[in-house]
Amino acid sequence: MSKPEVISSEPIYKGRVFDIRVDTIREAQGGELHTYKREIISHNGSAVIVPLFEDGTVALVRQYRHAAGDHLLELPAGTLDHSEDPKLGAIRELEEEIGVTASSITKLTEFYVSPGFLTEKMHLYLATGLTETAQDLDDDEFLNIERIPLSDALNMVRTNRIQDAKTIIGLMLALNPLEK
């Protein structure tokens, strides 16, 4: 199957975290050419980390998310710098957000957040062999760390107390290494 042709791409917003453009696309369907527009949010991608301690707890961060209008409990994560290796981004975010380093970082998966309009791909890692250092939060990061047994965190998913998609995916996939 051939990809549709991008006829034009018009930047309409340039921001600190993402850019927005309008693409005009031409595609053949059913023997006819169709032209349409798509609004695209361009994002460098993110690293997401499941920090799993030896006692079976995971470190989650609680922070206010304005778009959701609430304080959400999430896995530590952050936007990748332009062309940054996702694993290096995960190592950086782990120490920045929860103040730990890991002796082992294992990639669990990668996924698109919302591919209908957003280019962001999240790279999900499991961090083990954790050693405490110190947080190094950005000036606009205000979060609290909560260490919760993995089984309790999964129950929080089932009862809608954890509603963040990357966190739900990460917690569910963190089970596989434990079952080996």
N, C-alpha and C. Protein backbone atom coordinates (compact mmCIF):
# COMPACT_ATOMS: atom_id res chain seq x y z
N MET A 1 0.84 -1.17 0.00
CA MET A 1 0.00 0.00 0.00
C MET A 1 0.90 1.24 0.00
N SER A 2 0.66 2.14 -0.91
CA SER A 2 1.49 3.35 -1.00
C SER A 2 0.98 4.42 -0.03
N LYS A 3 1.92 5.25 0.41
CA LYS A 3 1.57 6.34 1.32
C LYS A 3 0.96 7.48 0.53
N PRO A 4 0.05 8.22 1.15
CA PRO A 4 -0.47 9.42 0.52
C PRO A 4 0.65 10.43 0.30
N GLU A 5 0.46 11.32 -0.65
CA GLU A 5 1.45 12.35 -0.97
C GLU A 5 1.15 13.62 -0.18
N VAL A 6 2.18 14.16 0.47
CA VAL A 6 2.04 15.44 1.17
C VAL A 6 2.30 16.54 0.14
N ILE A 7 1.26 17.29 -0.17
CA ILE A 7 1.36 18.35 -1.18
C ILE A 7 2.00 19.60 -0.59
N SER A 8 1.60 19.92 0.64
CA SER A 8 2.17 21.09 1.31
C SER A 8 2.10 20.89 2.81
N SER A 9 2.95 21.64 3.52
CA SER A 9 2.99 21.60 4.97
C SER A 9 3.21 23.03 5.46
N GLU A 10 2.21 23.57 6.15
CA GLU A 10 2.26 24.96 6.58
C GLU A 10 2.42 25.04 8.10
N PRO A 11 3.58 25.53 8.58
CA PRO A 11 3.75 25.71 10.02
C PRO A 11 2.82 26.82 10.51
N ILE A 12 2.10 26.56 11.62
CA ILE A 12 1.21 27.60 12.13
C ILE A 12 1.52 27.99 13.57
N TYR A 13 2.36 27.18 14.26
CA TYR A 13 2.73 27.50 15.63
C TYR A 13 4.06 26.84 15.94
N LYS A 14 4.96 27.56 16.60
CA LYS A 14 6.23 27.01 17.04
C LYS A 14 6.32 27.24 18.54
N GLY A 15 6.38 26.16 19.30
CA GLY A 15 6.39 26.26 20.76
C GLY A 15 7.62 25.67 21.38
N ARG A 16 7.67 25.70 22.70
CA ARG A 16 8.80 25.15 23.46
C ARG A 16 8.78 23.62 23.44
N VAL A 17 7.59 23.01 23.53
CA VAL A 17 7.47 21.56 23.63
C VAL A 17 7.02 20.91 22.32
N PHE A 18 6.22 21.63 21.54
CA PHE A 18 5.72 21.07 20.30
C PHE A 18 5.46 22.18 19.29
N ASP A 19 5.33 21.79 18.02
CA ASP A 19 4.97 22.69 16.93
C ASP A 19 3.68 22.17 16.31
N ILE A 20 2.98 23.06 15.61
CA ILE A 20 1.75 22.65 14.91
C ILE A 20 1.87 23.06 13.46
N ARG A 21 1.45 22.16 12.59
CA ARG A 21 1.44 22.44 11.15
C ARG A 21 0.14 21.92 10.55
N VAL A 22 -0.18 22.44 9.37
CA VAL A 22 -1.32 21.93 8.61
C VAL A 22 -0.77 21.33 7.33
N ASP A 23 -0.98 20.04 7.15
CA ASP A 23 -0.53 19.33 5.96
C ASP A 23 -1.70 19.16 4.99
N THR A 24 -1.44 19.38 3.72
CA THR A 24 -2.40 19.06 2.67
C THR A 24 -1.93 17.77 2.03
N ILE A 25 -2.83 16.80 1.97
CA ILE A 25 -2.49 15.44 1.55
C ILE A 25 -3.34 15.02 0.37
N ARG A 26 -2.72 14.28 -0.55
CA ARG A 26 -3.44 13.71 -1.70
C ARG A 26 -3.29 12.20 -1.62
N GLU A 27 -4.43 11.51 -1.79
CA GLU A 27 -4.44 10.06 -1.65
C GLU A 27 -5.41 9.45 -2.66
N ALA A 28 -4.99 8.33 -3.24
CA ALA A 28 -5.86 7.60 -4.16
C ALA A 28 -6.66 6.58 -3.37
N GLN A 29 -7.98 6.63 -3.52
CA GLN A 29 -8.89 5.68 -2.88
C GLN A 29 -9.98 5.32 -3.87
N GLY A 30 -10.15 4.04 -4.11
CA GLY A 30 -11.22 3.60 -5.01
C GLY A 30 -11.08 4.17 -6.41
N GLY A 31 -9.85 4.34 -6.88
CA GLY A 31 -9.62 4.85 -8.23
C GLY A 31 -9.77 6.36 -8.36
N GLU A 32 -10.04 7.05 -7.27
CA GLU A 32 -10.18 8.51 -7.30
C GLU A 32 -9.13 9.15 -6.42
N LEU A 33 -8.70 10.37 -6.80
CA LEU A 33 -7.78 11.14 -5.98
C LEU A 33 -8.56 12.01 -5.02
N HIS A 34 -8.16 11.98 -3.76
CA HIS A 34 -8.80 12.80 -2.73
C HIS A 34 -7.74 13.69 -2.10
N THR A 35 -8.09 14.94 -1.90
CA THR A 35 -7.20 15.90 -1.25
C THR A 35 -7.87 16.35 0.04
N TYR A 36 -7.08 16.38 1.12
CA TYR A 36 -7.62 16.77 2.41
C TYR A 36 -6.52 17.38 3.27
N LYS A 37 -6.90 18.01 4.36
CA LYS A 37 -5.96 18.65 5.27
C LYS A 37 -5.95 17.92 6.61
N ARG A 38 -4.78 17.93 7.25
CA ARG A 38 -4.64 17.36 8.59
C ARG A 38 -3.83 18.34 9.44
N GLU A 39 -4.34 18.63 10.63
CA GLU A 39 -3.61 19.43 11.60
C GLU A 39 -2.74 18.46 12.40
N ILE A 40 -1.43 18.73 12.42
CA ILE A 40 -0.47 17.82 13.04
C ILE A 40 0.31 18.54 14.14
N ILE A 41 0.36 17.93 15.31
CA ILE A 41 1.21 18.41 16.39
C ILE A 41 2.51 17.61 16.31
N SER A 42 3.61 18.33 16.13
CA SER A 42 4.92 17.70 15.99
C SER A 42 5.66 17.76 17.33
N HIS A 43 6.08 16.60 17.81
CA HIS A 43 6.70 16.47 19.14
C HIS A 43 7.92 15.56 19.02
N ASN A 44 9.00 15.84 19.75
CA ASN A 44 10.24 15.05 19.67
C ASN A 44 10.12 13.63 20.21
N GLY A 45 9.09 13.35 20.97
CA GLY A 45 8.95 12.05 21.60
C GLY A 45 9.29 12.15 23.07
N SER A 46 9.05 11.06 23.80
CA SER A 46 9.23 11.06 25.25
C SER A 46 9.84 9.75 25.71
N ALA A 47 10.48 9.84 26.87
CA ALA A 47 10.98 8.65 27.56
C ALA A 47 10.13 8.48 28.81
N VAL A 48 9.70 7.24 29.06
CA VAL A 48 8.87 6.90 30.22
C VAL A 48 9.59 5.79 30.96
N ILE A 49 9.61 5.88 32.29
CA ILE A 49 10.36 4.92 33.07
C ILE A 49 9.49 4.31 34.16
N VAL A 50 9.56 2.97 34.29
CA VAL A 50 8.95 2.27 35.41
C VAL A 50 10.08 1.99 36.40
N PRO A 51 10.22 2.82 37.46
CA PRO A 51 11.27 2.59 38.44
C PRO A 51 10.81 1.55 39.47
N LEU A 52 11.35 0.35 39.36
CA LEU A 52 10.92 -0.77 40.21
C LEU A 52 12.00 -1.06 41.24
N PHE A 53 11.66 -0.85 42.50
CA PHE A 53 12.61 -1.07 43.60
C PHE A 53 12.62 -2.54 44.00
N GLU A 54 13.68 -2.94 44.70
CA GLU A 54 13.84 -4.33 45.12
C GLU A 54 12.71 -4.81 46.03
N ASP A 55 12.08 -3.87 46.75
CA ASP A 55 10.99 -4.26 47.66
C ASP A 55 9.64 -4.41 46.94
N GLY A 56 9.64 -4.30 45.59
CA GLY A 56 8.41 -4.48 44.81
C GLY A 56 7.58 -3.22 44.67
N THR A 57 8.10 -2.09 45.11
CA THR A 57 7.38 -0.83 44.93
C THR A 57 7.83 -0.14 43.65
N VAL A 58 6.95 0.68 43.13
CA VAL A 58 7.28 1.54 41.99
C VAL A 58 7.17 2.99 42.46
N ALA A 59 8.02 3.83 41.89
CA ALA A 59 7.96 5.25 42.21
C ALA A 59 7.11 5.93 41.15
N LEU A 60 6.06 6.59 41.60
CA LEU A 60 5.20 7.37 40.73
C LEU A 60 5.29 8.83 41.16
N VAL A 61 4.95 9.72 40.24
CA VAL A 61 4.95 11.14 40.58
C VAL A 61 3.53 11.67 40.46
N ARG A 62 3.16 12.49 41.44
CA ARG A 62 1.85 13.13 41.41
C ARG A 62 2.08 14.59 41.06
N GLN A 63 1.45 15.03 39.96
CA GLN A 63 1.61 16.42 39.55
C GLN A 63 0.33 16.93 38.90
N TYR A 64 0.18 18.24 38.97
CA TYR A 64 -1.00 18.87 38.37
C TYR A 64 -0.85 18.88 36.87
N ARG A 65 -1.88 18.42 36.18
CA ARG A 65 -1.93 18.44 34.71
C ARG A 65 -3.09 19.33 34.32
N HIS A 66 -2.75 20.51 33.82
CA HIS A 66 -3.77 21.52 33.55
C HIS A 66 -4.81 21.04 32.53
N ALA A 67 -4.37 20.34 31.49
CA ALA A 67 -5.33 19.87 30.47
C ALA A 67 -6.36 18.93 31.08
N ALA A 68 -5.96 18.14 32.07
CA ALA A 68 -6.88 17.22 32.75
C ALA A 68 -7.61 17.91 33.90
N GLY A 69 -7.09 19.05 34.34
CA GLY A 69 -7.71 19.78 35.44
C GLY A 69 -7.60 19.07 36.78
N ASP A 70 -6.52 18.28 36.95
CA ASP A 70 -6.40 17.49 38.17
C ASP A 70 -4.94 17.12 38.42
N HIS A 71 -4.66 16.68 39.64
CA HIS A 71 -3.36 16.12 39.97
C HIS A 71 -3.42 14.64 39.58
N LEU A 72 -2.52 14.20 38.72
CA LEU A 72 -2.50 12.81 38.26
C LEU A 72 -1.30 12.08 38.82
N LEU A 73 -1.46 10.79 39.03
CA LEU A 73 -0.38 9.91 39.45
C LEU A 73 0.17 9.24 38.20
N GLU A 74 1.47 9.44 37.94
CA GLU A 74 2.07 9.00 36.68
C GLU A 74 3.45 8.40 36.90
N LEU A 75 3.89 7.64 35.92
CA LEU A 75 5.29 7.23 35.88
C LEU A 75 6.14 8.44 35.54
N PRO A 76 7.38 8.49 36.00
CA PRO A 76 8.26 9.57 35.58
C PRO A 76 8.47 9.51 34.07
N ALA A 77 8.47 10.68 33.45
CA ALA A 77 8.61 10.76 32.00
C ALA A 77 9.04 12.16 31.61
N GLY A 78 9.53 12.28 30.41
CA GLY A 78 9.89 13.60 29.94
C GLY A 78 10.12 13.64 28.46
N THR A 79 10.04 14.83 27.91
CA THR A 79 10.25 15.06 26.49
C THR A 79 11.72 14.87 26.15
N LEU A 80 11.96 14.21 25.04
CA LEU A 80 13.33 14.03 24.55
C LEU A 80 13.81 15.31 23.90
N ASP A 81 15.09 15.59 24.09
CA ASP A 81 15.71 16.69 23.36
C ASP A 81 15.79 16.27 21.90
N HIS A 82 15.95 17.23 21.00
CA HIS A 82 16.02 16.94 19.56
C HIS A 82 17.10 15.89 19.29
N SER A 83 16.72 14.79 18.67
CA SER A 83 17.62 13.68 18.29
C SER A 83 18.25 12.97 19.48
N GLU A 84 17.72 13.15 20.69
CA GLU A 84 18.27 12.47 21.86
C GLU A 84 17.92 10.99 21.83
N ASP A 85 18.88 10.16 22.18
CA ASP A 85 18.65 8.72 22.29
C ASP A 85 17.62 8.49 23.40
N PRO A 86 16.53 7.77 23.12
CA PRO A 86 15.47 7.58 24.13
C PRO A 86 15.97 6.95 25.43
N LYS A 87 16.92 6.01 25.36
CA LYS A 87 17.43 5.39 26.59
C LYS A 87 18.17 6.42 27.44
N LEU A 88 18.96 7.28 26.80
CA LEU A 88 19.66 8.33 27.53
C LEU A 88 18.66 9.31 28.14
N GLY A 89 17.59 9.59 27.41
CA GLY A 89 16.54 10.46 27.95
C GLY A 89 15.88 9.83 29.17
N ALA A 90 15.68 8.51 29.12
CA ALA A 90 15.07 7.81 30.26
C ALA A 90 15.99 7.88 31.48
N ILE A 91 17.28 7.68 31.27
CA ILE A 91 18.25 7.76 32.37
C ILE A 91 18.24 9.17 32.97
N ARG A 92 18.21 10.18 32.12
CA ARG A 92 18.19 11.58 32.57
C ARG A 92 16.92 11.87 33.38
N GLU A 93 15.77 11.50 32.83
CA GLU A 93 14.49 11.77 33.49
C GLU A 93 14.34 11.03 34.81
N LEU A 94 14.87 9.82 34.90
CA LEU A 94 14.80 9.03 36.13
C LEU A 94 15.47 9.78 37.28
N GLU A 95 16.64 10.31 37.01
CA GLU A 95 17.34 11.03 38.08
C GLU A 95 16.73 12.41 38.32
N GLU A 96 16.36 13.11 37.26
CA GLU A 96 15.76 14.43 37.42
C GLU A 96 14.48 14.38 38.25
N GLU A 97 13.57 13.47 37.89
CA GLU A 97 12.25 13.47 38.50
C GLU A 97 12.16 12.77 39.84
N ILE A 98 12.83 11.62 39.97
CA ILE A 98 12.69 10.93 41.27
C ILE A 98 14.00 10.76 42.02
N GLY A 99 15.10 11.22 41.46
CA GLY A 99 16.36 11.20 42.18
C GLY A 99 16.94 9.83 42.40
N VAL A 100 16.94 9.00 41.35
CA VAL A 100 17.60 7.69 41.43
C VAL A 100 18.34 7.41 40.13
N THR A 101 19.34 6.54 40.24
CA THR A 101 20.01 5.98 39.07
C THR A 101 19.70 4.49 39.07
N ALA A 102 19.90 3.86 37.92
CA ALA A 102 19.57 2.43 37.78
C ALA A 102 20.77 1.66 37.25
N SER A 103 20.98 0.45 37.77
CA SER A 103 22.04 -0.40 37.23
C SER A 103 21.56 -1.12 35.97
N SER A 104 20.24 -1.18 35.78
CA SER A 104 19.68 -1.83 34.59
C SER A 104 18.49 -1.03 34.05
N ILE A 105 18.55 -0.73 32.76
CA ILE A 105 17.45 -0.07 32.05
C ILE A 105 17.09 -0.98 30.88
N THR A 106 15.87 -1.49 30.88
CA THR A 106 15.42 -2.43 29.85
C THR A 106 14.24 -1.82 29.09
N LYS A 107 14.34 -1.81 27.77
CA LYS A 107 13.23 -1.28 26.97
C LYS A 107 12.08 -2.28 26.99
N LEU A 108 10.88 -1.77 27.31
CA LEU A 108 9.68 -2.60 27.32
C LEU A 108 8.93 -2.49 26.00
N THR A 109 8.78 -1.27 25.49
CA THR A 109 8.06 -1.06 24.23
C THR A 109 8.17 0.40 23.83
N GLU A 110 7.60 0.72 22.70
CA GLU A 110 7.41 2.11 22.27
C GLU A 110 6.06 2.19 21.60
N PHE A 111 5.42 3.35 21.71
CA PHE A 111 4.07 3.48 21.16
C PHE A 111 3.77 4.93 20.85
N TYR A 112 2.86 5.13 19.90
CA TYR A 112 2.37 6.47 19.58
C TYR A 112 1.27 6.82 20.56
N VAL A 113 1.26 8.07 20.99
CA VAL A 113 0.28 8.53 21.96
C VAL A 113 -1.10 8.68 21.31
N SER A 114 -1.16 9.39 20.21
CA SER A 114 -2.42 9.61 19.50
C SER A 114 -2.09 9.91 18.04
N PRO A 115 -1.84 8.86 17.23
CA PRO A 115 -1.29 9.05 15.89
C PRO A 115 -2.21 9.71 14.88
N GLY A 116 -3.43 10.01 15.25
CA GLY A 116 -4.32 10.72 14.33
C GLY A 116 -3.92 12.16 14.12
N PHE A 117 -3.22 12.76 15.09
CA PHE A 117 -2.84 14.17 14.96
C PHE A 117 -1.52 14.51 15.65
N LEU A 118 -0.88 13.55 16.32
CA LEU A 118 0.30 13.82 17.12
C LEU A 118 1.44 12.89 16.73
N THR A 119 2.64 13.45 16.48
CA THR A 119 3.79 12.62 16.08
C THR A 119 4.50 11.99 17.27
N GLU A 120 4.14 12.37 18.50
CA GLU A 120 4.87 11.89 19.68
C GLU A 120 4.86 10.37 19.80
N LYS A 121 6.07 9.82 19.97
CA LYS A 121 6.22 8.40 20.26
C LYS A 121 6.83 8.31 21.66
N MET A 122 6.26 7.47 22.50
CA MET A 122 6.79 7.27 23.85
C MET A 122 7.61 5.99 23.87
N HIS A 123 8.77 6.08 24.49
CA HIS A 123 9.69 4.95 24.64
C HIS A 123 9.67 4.56 26.11
N LEU A 124 9.24 3.34 26.39
CA LEU A 124 8.98 2.88 27.75
C LEU A 124 10.07 1.92 28.23
N TYR A 125 10.62 2.22 29.41
CA TYR A 125 11.72 1.44 29.98
C TYR A 125 11.39 0.98 31.39
N LEU A 126 11.97 -0.16 31.76
CA LEU A 126 11.93 -0.65 33.13
C LEU A 126 13.30 -0.39 33.74
N ALA A 127 13.31 0.28 34.89
CA ALA A 127 14.56 0.59 35.59
C ALA A 127 14.62 -0.21 36.88
N THR A 128 15.71 -0.97 37.07
CA THR A 128 15.90 -1.77 38.28
C THR A 128 17.31 -1.53 38.81
N GLY A 129 17.59 -2.09 39.97
CA GLY A 129 18.89 -1.86 40.60
C GLY A 129 19.04 -0.39 40.94
N LEU A 130 18.04 0.17 41.62
CA LEU A 130 17.97 1.62 41.84
C LEU A 130 18.78 2.07 43.05
N THR A 131 19.47 3.20 42.86
CA THR A 131 20.26 3.84 43.91
C THR A 131 19.81 5.28 44.03
N GLU A 132 19.50 5.71 45.25
CA GLU A 132 19.02 7.08 45.45
C GLU A 132 20.16 8.08 45.31
N THR A 133 19.85 9.20 44.61
CA THR A 133 20.77 10.33 44.46
C THR A 133 20.00 11.57 44.92
N ALA A 134 19.70 12.47 44.01
CA ALA A 134 18.91 13.66 44.36
C ALA A 134 18.12 14.10 43.14
N GLN A 135 16.91 14.61 43.37
CA GLN A 135 16.09 15.17 42.30
C GLN A 135 16.77 16.40 41.71
N ASP A 136 16.47 16.68 40.44
CA ASP A 136 16.96 17.89 39.79
C ASP A 136 15.84 18.38 38.87
N LEU A 137 14.76 18.88 39.49
CA LEU A 137 13.56 19.27 38.75
C LEU A 137 13.77 20.55 37.95
N ASP A 138 13.06 20.65 36.81
CA ASP A 138 13.02 21.88 36.05
C ASP A 138 12.26 22.93 36.86
N ASP A 139 12.45 24.20 36.50
CA ASP A 139 11.81 25.30 37.24
C ASP A 139 10.29 25.21 37.24
N ASP A 140 9.71 24.59 36.22
CA ASP A 140 8.25 24.52 36.13
C ASP A 140 7.70 23.14 36.51
N GLU A 141 8.52 22.32 37.15
CA GLU A 141 8.07 20.99 37.59
C GLU A 141 7.80 21.02 39.09
N PHE A 142 6.57 20.69 39.45
CA PHE A 142 6.17 20.62 40.85
C PHE A 142 5.50 19.26 41.04
N LEU A 143 6.22 18.33 41.63
CA LEU A 143 5.68 16.98 41.76
C LEU A 143 6.07 16.37 43.09
N ASN A 144 5.27 15.41 43.50
CA ASN A 144 5.54 14.64 44.71
C ASN A 144 5.73 13.19 44.31
N ILE A 145 6.73 12.55 44.92
CA ILE A 145 7.01 11.14 44.65
C ILE A 145 6.20 10.28 45.60
N GLU A 146 5.58 9.22 45.04
CA GLU A 146 4.85 8.26 45.85
C GLU A 146 5.33 6.86 45.49
N ARG A 147 5.86 6.14 46.47
CA ARG A 147 6.26 4.74 46.24
C ARG A 147 5.12 3.84 46.67
N ILE A 148 4.70 3.01 45.73
CA ILE A 148 3.52 2.18 45.92
C ILE A 148 3.85 0.75 45.49
N PRO A 149 3.42 -0.26 46.24
CA PRO A 149 3.60 -1.63 45.76
C PRO A 149 2.99 -1.79 44.36
N LEU A 150 3.69 -2.48 43.48
CA LEU A 150 3.21 -2.65 42.10
C LEU A 150 1.80 -3.21 42.09
N SER A 151 1.48 -4.17 42.94
CA SER A 151 0.13 -4.75 42.97
C SER A 151 -0.91 -3.70 43.33
N ASP A 152 -0.58 -2.79 44.26
CA ASP A 152 -1.51 -1.71 44.63
C ASP A 152 -1.69 -0.73 43.47
N ALA A 153 -0.59 -0.44 42.77
CA ALA A 153 -0.67 0.48 41.62
C ALA A 153 -1.57 -0.11 40.53
N LEU A 154 -1.45 -1.41 40.30
CA LEU A 154 -2.32 -2.06 39.31
C LEU A 154 -3.78 -2.02 39.74
N ASN A 155 -4.02 -2.16 41.03
CA ASN A 155 -5.39 -2.04 41.54
C ASN A 155 -5.90 -0.62 41.35
N MET A 156 -5.03 0.37 41.48
CA MET A 156 -5.41 1.76 41.25
C MET A 156 -5.80 1.99 39.78
N VAL A 157 -5.18 1.24 38.88
CA VAL A 157 -5.56 1.30 37.46
C VAL A 157 -6.98 0.76 37.31
N ARG A 158 -7.24 -0.40 37.91
CA ARG A 158 -8.55 -1.05 37.79
C ARG A 158 -9.68 -0.21 38.38
N THR A 159 -9.36 0.61 39.39
CA THR A 159 -10.39 1.40 40.06
C THR A 159 -10.37 2.88 39.63
N ASN A 160 -9.73 3.15 38.50
CA ASN A 160 -9.67 4.50 37.89
C ASN A 160 -8.98 5.55 38.75
N ARG A 161 -8.15 5.15 39.67
CA ARG A 161 -7.38 6.14 40.44
C ARG A 161 -6.08 6.49 39.73
N ILE A 162 -5.67 5.67 38.77
CA ILE A 162 -4.59 6.00 37.83
C ILE A 162 -5.26 6.02 36.47
N GLN A 163 -5.22 7.18 35.81
CA GLN A 163 -5.92 7.35 34.53
C GLN A 163 -5.00 7.74 33.38
N ASP A 164 -3.72 7.87 33.64
CA ASP A 164 -2.75 8.26 32.64
C ASP A 164 -2.36 7.05 31.79
N ALA A 165 -2.50 7.15 30.47
CA ALA A 165 -2.30 6.00 29.58
C ALA A 165 -0.88 5.44 29.63
N LYS A 166 0.14 6.30 29.62
CA LYS A 166 1.51 5.79 29.64
C LYS A 166 1.79 5.03 30.93
N THR A 167 1.18 5.48 32.02
CA THR A 167 1.36 4.82 33.31
C THR A 167 0.65 3.47 33.32
N ILE A 168 -0.53 3.42 32.79
CA ILE A 168 -1.27 2.16 32.71
C ILE A 168 -0.48 1.15 31.88
N ILE A 169 0.00 1.56 30.71
CA ILE A 169 0.77 0.65 29.85
C ILE A 169 2.04 0.20 30.56
N GLY A 170 2.75 1.13 31.17
CA GLY A 170 4.01 0.80 31.84
C GLY A 170 3.82 -0.16 32.99
N LEU A 171 2.81 0.07 33.82
CA LEU A 171 2.58 -0.82 34.96
C LEU A 171 2.19 -2.22 34.49
N MET A 172 1.35 -2.29 33.46
CA MET A 172 0.94 -3.61 32.95
C MET A 172 2.13 -4.37 32.37
N LEU A 173 2.99 -3.68 31.63
CA LEU A 173 4.15 -4.36 31.02
C LEU A 173 5.24 -4.67 32.05
N ALA A 174 5.28 -3.96 33.14
CA ALA A 174 6.28 -4.23 34.18
C ALA A 174 6.08 -5.60 34.80
N LEU A 175 4.88 -6.14 34.68
CA LEU A 175 4.61 -7.48 35.23
C LEU A 175 5.41 -8.57 34.55
N ASN A 176 5.62 -8.49 33.26
CA ASN A 176 6.30 -9.57 32.52
C ASN A 176 7.68 -9.91 33.06
N PRO A 177 8.56 -8.94 33.30
CA PRO A 177 9.88 -9.32 33.83
C PRO A 177 9.79 -10.00 35.20
N LEU A 178 8.75 -9.69 35.96
CA LEU A 178 8.62 -10.29 37.29
C LEU A 178 8.16 -11.74 37.21
N GLU A 179 7.52 -12.13 36.12
CA GLU A 179 6.99 -13.49 36.00
C GLU A 179 8.02 -14.48 35.47
N LYS A 180 9.16 -14.01 35.02
CA LYS A 180 10.17 -14.91 34.42
C LYS A 180 10.83 -15.80 35.45
